[in-house]
C-alpha atoms as a PDB file:
ATOM      1  CA  UNK A   1      10.061  -1.206  18.641  1.00  0.00           C
ATOM      2  CA  UNK A   2       7.861   0.849  16.355  1.00  0.00           C
ATOM      3  CA  UNK A   3      10.782   1.838  14.092  1.00  0.00           C
ATOM      4  CA  UNK A   4      11.487  -1.863  13.481  1.00  0.00           C
ATOM      5  CA  UNK A   5       7.867  -2.385  12.511  1.00  0.00           C
ATOM      6  CA  UNK A   6       8.003   0.666  10.242  1.00  0.00           C
ATOM      7  CA  UNK A   7      10.973  -0.810   8.370  1.00  0.00           C
ATOM      8  CA  UNK A   8       9.031  -4.042   7.878  1.00  0.00           C
ATOM      9  CA  UNK A   9       6.043  -2.128   6.550  1.00  0.00           C
ATOM     10  CA  UNK A  10       8.088   0.056   4.204  1.00  0.00           C
ATOM     11  CA  UNK A  11       9.918  -2.942   2.765  1.00  0.00           C
ATOM     12  CA  UNK A  12       6.622  -4.758   2.198  1.00  0.00           C
ATOM     13  CA  UNK A  13       4.998  -1.763   0.508  1.00  0.00           C
ATOM     14  CA  UNK A  14       8.001  -1.427  -1.771  1.00  0.00           C
ATOM     15  CA  UNK A  15       7.258  -4.939  -3.093  1.00  0.00           C
ATOM     16  CA  UNK A  16       3.841  -3.892  -4.528  1.00  0.00           C
ATOM     17  CA  UNK A  17       4.417  -3.815  -8.289  1.00  0.00           C
ATOM     18  CA  UNK A  18       3.520  -0.770 -10.328  1.00  0.00           C
ATOM     19  CA  UNK A  19      -0.099  -0.937 -11.465  1.00  0.00           C
ATOM     20  CA  UNK A  20      -1.154  -2.984  -8.417  1.00  0.00           C
ATOM     21  CA  UNK A  21      -2.585  -2.036  -5.014  1.00  0.00           C
ATOM     22  CA  UNK A  22      -2.935  -3.588  -1.561  1.00  0.00           C
ATOM     23  CA  UNK A  23      -4.973  -2.833   1.541  1.00  0.00           C
ATOM     24  CA  UNK A  24      -3.593  -1.642   4.858  1.00  0.00           C
ATOM     25  CA  UNK A  25      -4.592  -4.973   6.395  1.00  0.00           C
ATOM     26  CA  UNK A  26      -2.958  -6.964   3.622  1.00  0.00           C
ATOM     27  CA  UNK A  27       0.300  -5.067   4.106  1.00  0.00           C
ATOM     28  CA  UNK A  28       0.100  -5.634   7.880  1.00  0.00           C
ATOM     29  CA  UNK A  29      -0.350  -9.372   7.363  1.00  0.00           C
ATOM     30  CA  UNK A  30       2.450  -9.641   4.811  1.00  0.00           C
ATOM     31  CA  UNK A  31       4.758  -7.690   7.101  1.00  0.00           C
ATOM     32  CA  UNK A  32       4.114 -10.164   9.903  1.00  0.00           C
ATOM     33  CA  UNK A  33       1.945  -7.699  11.822  1.00  0.00           C
ATOM     34  CA  UNK A  34      -1.596  -9.134  11.585  1.00  0.00           C
ATOM     35  CA  UNK A  35      -4.280  -6.824  12.877  1.00  0.00           C
ATOM     36  CA  UNK A  36      -2.010  -3.755  12.646  1.00  0.00           C
ATOM     37  CA  UNK A  37      -3.589  -1.987   9.677  1.00  0.00           C
ATOM     38  CA  UNK A  38      -3.610   1.324  11.464  1.00  0.00           C
ATOM     39  CA  UNK A  39       0.102   0.987  12.136  1.00  0.00           C
ATOM     40  CA  UNK A  40       0.636   0.614   8.428  1.00  0.00           C
ATOM     41  CA  UNK A  41      -1.037   3.990   7.819  1.00  0.00           C
ATOM     42  CA  UNK A  42       1.044   5.600  10.538  1.00  0.00           C
ATOM     43  CA  UNK A  43       4.258   4.090   9.190  1.00  0.00           C
ATOM     44  CA  UNK A  44       3.533   5.332   5.680  1.00  0.00           C
ATOM     45  CA  UNK A  45       3.111   8.830   7.064  1.00  0.00           C
ATOM     46  CA  UNK A  46       6.614   8.630   8.492  1.00  0.00           C
ATOM     47  CA  UNK A  47       8.326   7.049   5.476  1.00  0.00           C
ATOM     48  CA  UNK A  48      11.452   9.026   4.594  1.00  0.00           C
ATOM     49  CA  UNK A  49      11.283  10.468   1.068  1.00  0.00           C
ATOM     50  CA  UNK A  50      14.658   8.907   0.166  1.00  0.00           C
ATOM     51  CA  UNK A  51      13.175   5.403   0.590  1.00  0.00           C
ATOM     52  CA  UNK A  52      10.656   6.104  -2.219  1.00  0.00           C
ATOM     53  CA  UNK A  53       7.934   4.019  -0.544  1.00  0.00           C
ATOM     54  CA  UNK A  54       4.948   3.920  -2.969  1.00  0.00           C
ATOM     55  CA  UNK A  55       2.420   4.881  -0.310  1.00  0.00           C
ATOM     56  CA  UNK A  56      -0.184   5.616  -2.905  1.00  0.00           C
ATOM     57  CA  UNK A  57      -0.492   1.868  -3.737  1.00  0.00           C
ATOM     58  CA  UNK A  58      -2.051   1.224  -0.322  1.00  0.00           C
ATOM     59  CA  UNK A  59      -5.854   1.513  -0.027  1.00  0.00           C
ATOM     60  CA  UNK A  60      -8.690   0.919   2.430  1.00  0.00           C
ATOM     61  CA  UNK A  61     -10.075  -2.628   2.661  1.00  0.00           C
ATOM     62  CA  UNK A  62     -13.036  -1.685   0.436  1.00  0.00           C
ATOM     63  CA  UNK A  63     -10.564  -0.703  -2.360  1.00  0.00           C
ATOM     64  CA  UNK A  64     -11.340   3.004  -1.937  1.00  0.00           C
ATOM     65  CA  UNK A  65      -8.645   5.676  -1.917  1.00  0.00           C
ATOM     66  CA  UNK A  66      -7.111   6.180   1.511  1.00  0.00           C
ATOM     67  CA  UNK A  67      -7.808   9.896   1.838  1.00  0.00           C
ATOM     68  CA  UNK A  68     -10.997  12.004   1.952  1.00  0.00           C
ATOM     69  CA  UNK A  69     -12.377  12.512  -1.562  1.00  0.00           C
ATOM     70  CA  UNK A  70     -11.484  15.948  -2.832  1.00  0.00           C
ATOM     71  CA  UNK A  71      -8.456  16.388  -0.617  1.00  0.00           C
ATOM     72  CA  UNK A  72      -5.110  17.235  -2.103  1.00  0.00           C
ATOM     73  CA  UNK A  73      -3.628  13.993  -0.909  1.00  0.00           C
ATOM     74  CA  UNK A  74      -6.473  11.944  -2.417  1.00  0.00           C
ATOM     75  CA  UNK A  75      -5.903  13.705  -5.719  1.00  0.00           C
ATOM     76  CA  UNK A  76      -2.180  13.000  -5.519  1.00  0.00           C
ATOM     77  CA  UNK A  77      -2.920   9.304  -4.823  1.00  0.00           C
ATOM     78  CA  UNK A  78      -5.401   9.198  -7.686  1.00  0.00           C
ATOM     79  CA  UNK A  79      -2.904  10.755 -10.135  1.00  0.00           C
ATOM     80  CA  UNK A  80      -0.148   8.330  -9.127  1.00  0.00           C
ATOM     81  CA  UNK A  81      -2.428   5.328  -9.599  1.00  0.00           C
ATOM     82  CA  UNK A  82      -3.850   6.532 -12.896  1.00  0.00           C
ATOM     83  CA  UNK A  83      -0.280   7.094 -14.182  1.00  0.00           C
ATOM     84  CA  UNK A  84       0.420   3.412 -13.422  1.00  0.00           C
ATOM     85  CA  UNK A  85      -2.693   2.308 -15.316  1.00  0.00           C
ATOM     86  CA  UNK A  86      -4.837   1.512 -12.274  1.00  0.00           C
ATOM     87  CA  UNK A  87      -8.542   1.950 -12.944  1.00  0.00           C
ATOM     88  CA  UNK A  88     -10.473   4.057 -10.459  1.00  0.00           C
ATOM     89  CA  UNK A  89     -14.274   4.301 -10.624  1.00  0.00           C
ATOM     90  CA  UNK A  90     -16.337   6.067  -7.955  1.00  0.00           C
ATOM     91  CA  UNK A  91     -13.240   6.484  -5.803  1.00  0.00           C
ATOM     92  CA  UNK A  92     -12.567   2.679  -5.843  1.00  0.00           C
ATOM     93  CA  UNK A  93      -9.963   0.578  -7.571  1.00  0.00           C
ATOM     94  CA  UNK A  94     -10.949  -2.271  -9.784  1.00  0.00           C
ATOM     95  CA  UNK A  95     -10.554  -5.759  -8.220  1.00  0.00           C
ATOM     96  CA  UNK A  96      -8.225  -6.849 -11.000  1.00  0.00           C
ATOM     97  CA  UNK A  97      -5.616  -4.337  -9.771  1.00  0.00           C
ATOM     98  CA  UNK A  98      -5.318  -5.890  -6.299  1.00  0.00           C
ATOM     99  CA  UNK A  99      -1.860  -7.315  -5.681  1.00  0.00           C
ATOM    100  CA  UNK A 100      -1.926 -11.024  -5.102  1.00  0.00           C
ATOM    101  CA  UNK A 101       1.702 -12.053  -4.516  1.00  0.00           C
ATOM    102  CA  UNK A 102       2.680 -15.358  -6.035  1.00  0.00           C
ATOM    103  CA  UNK A 103       4.363 -18.033  -3.978  1.00  0.00           C
ATOM    104  CA  UNK A 104       7.831 -17.114  -5.251  1.00  0.00           C
ATOM    105  CA  UNK A 105       7.316 -13.484  -4.168  1.00  0.00           C
ATOM    106  CA  UNK A 106       6.164 -14.613  -0.740  1.00  0.00           C
ATOM    107  CA  UNK A 107       9.140 -16.897  -0.306  1.00  0.00           C
ATOM    108  CA  UNK A 108      11.939 -14.837  -1.841  1.00  0.00           C
ATOM    109  CA  UNK A 109      10.900 -11.148  -1.804  1.00  0.00           C
ATOM    110  CA  UNK A 110       8.942 -10.734   1.371  1.00  0.00           C
ATOM    111  CA  UNK A 111      10.919 -11.091   4.512  1.00  0.00           C
ATOM    112  CA  UNK A 112       8.223 -11.613   7.149  1.00  0.00           C
END
């Protein structure tokens, strides 16, 4: 059962455009798994490298980076986001960089 959920999460995260971010809860909702934000984090940790899931585009609900400040993973996430033009100030992403899928994306690109 969990593997099926992981696939849904990975496919949803892959829809986040470069230069945009989403929260764990938002991904859970869009993947048809409301209330399963923690599962999103777990699934991203298990994402196979060959799927190229842009895990770094997923943040906490307060728009802060998902990993402890100063950790190697937080720095990796920061570098990926900066390379895509995402603004980060005091470990938080600017509100303008939050992904708000349009109706066409919801209907045609997201499967859940």
